[in-house]
Structure formats: C-alpha cells, structure tokens
Amino acid sequence: MSRTSPTLFAFAALALSALPAFADARTEAYVQTNASEVLATLNDPALNAQQRTETFSMYMDKFADLDAVSNFAIGKYSRRFTEQELATYRKAFRTYALAVYESELDKYRGEEVVVKDSVDRSDTDSIVNTVIKRQDGKDMDVRWRVLTRNGEYQVVDVALNLDGNLIWLGIEQRAQFIALLDRANGSADALITKIESMTADLKASKRN
C-alpha cells in the first residue's frame, strides 16, 4: 500500500523527544510478547491464507482496542450516528483495520520483535518503540501506543517507519473519514460503503 493510497492510515508523528519519562517494564513486556505472537502468525508456513487471517485477527482483537480506534476515526460523528449506524460502522471498520494491519505488517515479515525503548505520555499512556528484525537486514521500526485501563493494557495505535516516514495508522484516516462525512451530510451509509470498498481492494491484493 503506497503512502498515496486512500487506504493509508497516515498519523502525524508524535513529538516524542519532548517526553522525558520512560514507560514501565511491564508495558514493554506486554508489547514484546503480544507483537511477537501477532507476527508469528504471519510467519507460520503451516497456515493457509484464511487460517492466517483468522488467527491474526484473533490476536489483534485481544491486543488492540479497535472500538476506541473506530470512534476516534470519526470524531464528532461517533455521537451523531444512531446505535445501529455505529454498530454497522464499527463492524466494517474492524474488518478494514485488521486488513490494513495484516497488509502492512505482512510486507515486513520478520524473525523477531525487539523493544528498543519507551516513553510515557502520562501515567496511563505510553509509546513503546520496537524494531522488527529481518534476516535480509531490512529491519522496520514500529511504535505502539499503549493505554492502561484498570490495570490492563491495550494498543490503540501503531506507527510504521515506511521509507523513512513515520506513518501512524489513524490520524489521517480520521481526517479522511470526517471530510467524507462532512461532504455527505454525516451519512453513515456513505462512509460504510467507502470503507467496504477499501477493504475489498486490500483483500484482493493480499498474498495467498
């Protein structure tokens, strides 16, 4: 997926250099363990394409708070959709988001995930910096934004370093979705149709 693709979740880079505190070791261990399991799914030669997607989706559902991401992506409209519209949108968004994560991470199938360092944005909000190591030397930097709620961790954002550019999987998507909704007078149907179209494009291009 190119950076100009409409399916790209391009997030603005966070000003991490201004954040001096370090995240605790448990947050780093959470990312280390779960990110490794997610990538192991993509690397497993025993799985066919359908099994790989199903297992990957299961791990990501536990690892990431996709409902929180979906609400963020539509901003004010999360309060304007009806309950039925919001439920249908969240279902479409989940399928799309998982397809995006799988597509991007699958391009950089690695041998292991190594935690480099981390920073705290607050007591409950941390960024964990990792690198996906590859035998061909084309390592990829990945950042994970982790929120702590009631003592439990969940990822609410992922950033990939693609061709030297830090791409967060959510802020530009928010801008794109809200712009579409603004043009369509807040039509949930118009947004869902667009999301389903982008998902179909991703699935058509995935590896077997």
Protein backbone atom coordinates (compact mmCIF):
# COMPACT_ATOMS: atom_id res chain seq x y z
CA MET A 1 0.00 0.00 0.00
CA SER A 2 1.61 3.24 -1.07
CA ARG A 3 1.61 6.40 1.00
CA THR A 4 -0.75 7.99 -1.54
CA SER A 5 -3.26 5.14 -1.29
CA PRO A 6 -6.67 6.15 0.10
CA THR A 7 -6.44 3.13 2.39
CA LEU A 8 -3.48 4.56 4.27
CA PHE A 9 -3.89 5.46 7.96
CA ALA A 10 -1.21 8.18 7.98
CA PHE A 11 -0.78 9.54 11.53
CA ALA A 12 1.07 12.73 12.35
CA ALA A 13 4.38 11.99 14.08
CA LEU A 14 4.25 12.48 17.85
CA ALA A 15 6.74 14.84 19.45
CA LEU A 16 8.35 12.12 21.49
CA SER A 17 11.62 13.97 22.01
CA ALA A 18 9.79 16.32 24.38
CA LEU A 19 8.62 13.48 26.59
CA PRO A 20 11.32 12.58 29.13
CA ALA A 21 9.67 9.84 31.19
CA PHE A 22 10.20 6.14 30.46
CA ALA A 23 7.40 3.58 30.30
CA ASP A 24 7.47 0.78 32.83
CA ALA A 25 8.95 -2.61 32.04
CA ARG A 26 5.55 -4.32 32.15
CA THR A 27 4.25 -2.19 29.29
CA GLU A 28 7.32 -3.04 27.23
CA ALA A 29 6.95 -6.74 28.07
CA TYR A 30 3.29 -6.61 27.02
CA VAL A 31 4.23 -5.26 23.60
CA GLN A 32 7.17 -7.65 23.26
CA THR A 33 5.04 -10.72 23.95
CA ASN A 34 1.92 -9.79 22.00
CA ALA A 35 3.65 -8.25 18.99
CA SER A 36 5.79 -11.36 18.70
CA GLU A 37 2.68 -13.56 18.72
CA VAL A 38 0.98 -11.41 16.07
CA LEU A 39 3.99 -11.55 13.75
CA ALA A 40 4.48 -15.26 14.37
CA THR A 41 1.04 -15.76 12.87
CA LEU A 42 2.10 -14.04 9.65
CA ASN A 43 5.29 -16.12 9.54
CA ASP A 44 3.66 -19.51 10.16
CA PRO A 45 4.06 -21.64 6.98
CA ALA A 46 1.61 -24.20 8.33
CA LEU A 47 -1.29 -21.76 7.95
CA ASN A 48 -3.09 -21.11 4.68
CA ALA A 49 -4.28 -17.59 3.84
CA GLN A 50 -7.67 -17.95 5.53
CA GLN A 51 -6.23 -19.55 8.67
CA ARG A 52 -3.53 -16.88 8.86
CA THR A 53 -6.10 -14.07 8.64
CA GLU A 54 -8.39 -15.67 11.21
CA THR A 55 -5.56 -16.25 13.71
CA PHE A 56 -4.06 -12.80 13.09
CA SER A 57 -7.48 -11.20 13.64
CA MET A 58 -7.97 -13.13 16.89
CA TYR A 59 -4.67 -11.85 18.28
CA MET A 60 -5.26 -8.27 17.13
CA ASP A 61 -8.74 -8.23 18.68
CA LYS A 62 -7.14 -9.01 22.05
CA PHE A 63 -4.08 -6.81 21.51
CA ALA A 64 -5.78 -3.67 20.15
CA ASP A 65 -8.87 -1.70 21.19
CA LEU A 66 -10.48 -1.41 17.76
CA ASP A 67 -13.71 0.12 19.09
CA ALA A 68 -11.70 3.00 20.57
CA VAL A 69 -9.81 3.44 17.30
CA SER A 70 -13.04 3.36 15.28
CA ASN A 71 -14.62 6.05 17.48
CA PHE A 72 -11.51 8.21 17.17
CA ALA A 73 -11.55 7.88 13.38
CA ILE A 74 -14.97 9.56 13.05
CA GLY A 75 -14.58 12.14 15.83
CA LYS A 76 -17.79 14.07 16.50
CA TYR A 77 -19.80 11.70 14.34
CA SER A 78 -19.42 8.90 16.89
CA ARG A 79 -22.02 10.84 18.91
CA ARG A 80 -24.24 11.60 15.91
CA PHE A 81 -24.66 8.13 14.43
CA THR A 82 -27.61 6.08 15.62
CA GLU A 83 -26.82 2.97 17.66
CA GLN A 84 -27.45 0.80 14.60
CA GLU A 85 -25.30 3.00 12.35
CA LEU A 86 -22.48 2.96 14.88
CA ALA A 87 -22.65 -0.83 15.22
CA THR A 88 -22.58 -1.32 11.43
CA TYR A 89 -19.74 1.17 11.04
CA ARG A 90 -17.68 -0.47 13.79
CA LYS A 91 -18.09 -3.88 12.16
CA ALA A 92 -16.94 -2.51 8.78
CA PHE A 93 -14.10 -0.58 10.40
CA ARG A 94 -12.86 -3.64 12.32
CA THR A 95 -12.65 -5.69 9.12
CA TYR A 96 -10.86 -2.86 7.35
CA ALA A 97 -8.45 -2.08 10.18
CA LEU A 98 -7.42 -5.72 10.51
CA ALA A 99 -6.86 -5.91 6.75
CA VAL A 100 -4.65 -2.80 6.92
CA TYR A 101 -2.59 -4.13 9.84
CA GLU A 102 -2.18 -7.51 8.17
CA SER A 103 -1.26 -5.95 4.82
CA GLU A 104 1.36 -3.58 6.23
CA LEU A 105 2.95 -5.95 8.74
CA ASP A 106 2.95 -8.81 6.24
CA LYS A 107 5.23 -6.79 3.96
CA TYR A 108 7.84 -6.86 6.72
CA ARG A 109 7.66 -10.44 7.92
CA GLY A 110 10.45 -10.56 10.49
CA GLU A 111 12.32 -13.01 12.61
CA GLU A 112 11.65 -11.25 15.92
CA VAL A 113 10.39 -8.11 17.60
CA VAL A 114 12.91 -6.25 19.75
CA VAL A 115 11.89 -3.49 22.18
CA LYS A 116 14.29 -0.53 21.88
CA ASP A 117 12.91 1.90 24.43
CA SER A 118 9.72 3.60 25.53
CA VAL A 119 8.29 6.87 26.80
CA ASP A 120 5.32 7.82 28.97
CA ARG A 121 2.89 10.42 27.70
CA SER A 122 1.01 10.16 31.00
CA ASP A 123 0.52 7.64 33.81
CA THR A 124 -1.75 5.57 31.56
CA ASP A 125 -0.49 6.38 28.04
CA SER A 126 2.86 5.10 26.70
CA ILE A 127 4.71 4.74 23.42
CA VAL A 128 6.83 1.60 23.04
CA ASN A 129 9.47 1.71 20.30
CA THR A 130 10.36 -1.61 18.69
CA VAL A 131 12.18 -2.93 15.64
CA ILE A 132 11.19 -5.94 13.56
CA LYS A 133 14.45 -7.72 12.79
CA ARG A 134 14.85 -9.40 9.40
CA GLN A 135 17.47 -11.74 8.03
CA ASP A 136 17.89 -9.57 4.93
CA GLY A 137 18.84 -6.60 7.11
CA LYS A 138 15.77 -4.56 6.12
CA ASP A 139 14.63 -4.01 9.70
CA MET A 140 11.48 -1.96 10.32
CA ASP A 141 10.84 0.45 13.18
CA VAL A 142 7.38 0.06 14.72
CA ARG A 143 5.90 2.17 17.52
CA TRP A 144 2.99 1.04 19.64
CA ARG A 145 0.78 3.40 21.64
CA VAL A 146 -0.47 1.56 24.72
CA LEU A 147 -3.17 2.70 27.15
CA THR A 148 -3.56 1.23 30.64
CA ARG A 149 -7.13 0.88 31.86
CA ASN A 150 -7.94 -0.73 35.20
CA GLY A 151 -4.55 -2.38 35.20
CA GLU A 152 -4.97 -3.87 31.72
CA TYR A 153 -3.04 -2.88 28.58
CA GLN A 154 -4.35 -2.34 25.06
CA VAL A 155 -2.77 -0.93 21.93
CA VAL A 156 -4.72 1.99 20.43
CA ASP A 157 -2.25 2.95 17.70
CA VAL A 158 0.58 1.52 15.62
CA ALA A 159 3.18 3.52 13.70
CA LEU A 160 5.36 2.11 10.93
CA ASN A 161 8.53 3.67 9.57
CA LEU A 162 7.99 3.33 5.82
CA ASP A 163 10.72 4.68 3.54
CA GLY A 164 11.94 6.98 6.29
CA ASN A 165 8.48 8.35 7.10
CA LEU A 166 6.70 7.63 10.36
CA ILE A 167 3.17 6.53 9.48
CA TRP A 168 0.66 6.27 12.33
CA LEU A 169 -2.33 4.08 11.48
CA GLY A 170 -5.17 6.56 12.43
CA ILE A 171 -4.90 10.38 12.34
CA GLU A 172 -5.04 10.94 8.58
CA GLN A 173 -7.73 8.28 8.40
CA ARG A 174 -9.68 10.39 10.87
CA ALA A 175 -9.21 13.42 8.63
CA GLN A 176 -10.27 11.42 5.57
CA PHE A 177 -13.34 9.91 7.24
CA ILE A 178 -14.52 13.20 8.74
CA ALA A 179 -14.00 15.00 5.42
CA LEU A 180 -16.13 12.36 3.68
CA LEU A 181 -18.84 12.63 6.33
CA ASP A 182 -18.82 16.42 6.11
CA ARG A 183 -19.34 16.21 2.33
CA ALA A 184 -22.06 13.58 2.72
CA ASN A 185 -24.01 15.47 5.39
CA GLY A 186 -22.98 12.93 8.02
CA SER A 187 -24.20 9.90 6.07
CA ALA A 188 -23.05 6.72 7.83
CA ASP A 189 -24.03 4.72 4.75
CA ALA A 190 -21.66 6.72 2.55
CA LEU A 191 -18.76 6.13 4.93
CA ILE A 192 -19.50 2.41 5.34
CA THR A 193 -19.69 1.96 1.57
CA LYS A 194 -16.28 3.65 1.20
CA ILE A 195 -14.73 1.51 3.94
CA GLU A 196 -16.10 -1.70 2.42
CA SER A 197 -14.67 -0.70 -0.97
CA MET A 198 -11.21 -0.07 0.53
CA THR A 199 -11.38 -3.40 2.38
CA ALA A 200 -12.20 -5.24 -0.85
CA ASP A 201 -9.17 -3.63 -2.52
CA LEU A 202 -6.88 -4.75 0.31
CA LYS A 203 -8.20 -8.31 0.29
CA ALA A 204 -7.79 -8.53 -3.48
CA SER A 205 -4.10 -7.68 -3.17
CA LYS A 206 -3.20 -9.93 -0.20
CA ARG A 207 -0.78 -12.83 -0.56
CA ASN A 208 -2.03 -16.43 -0.57
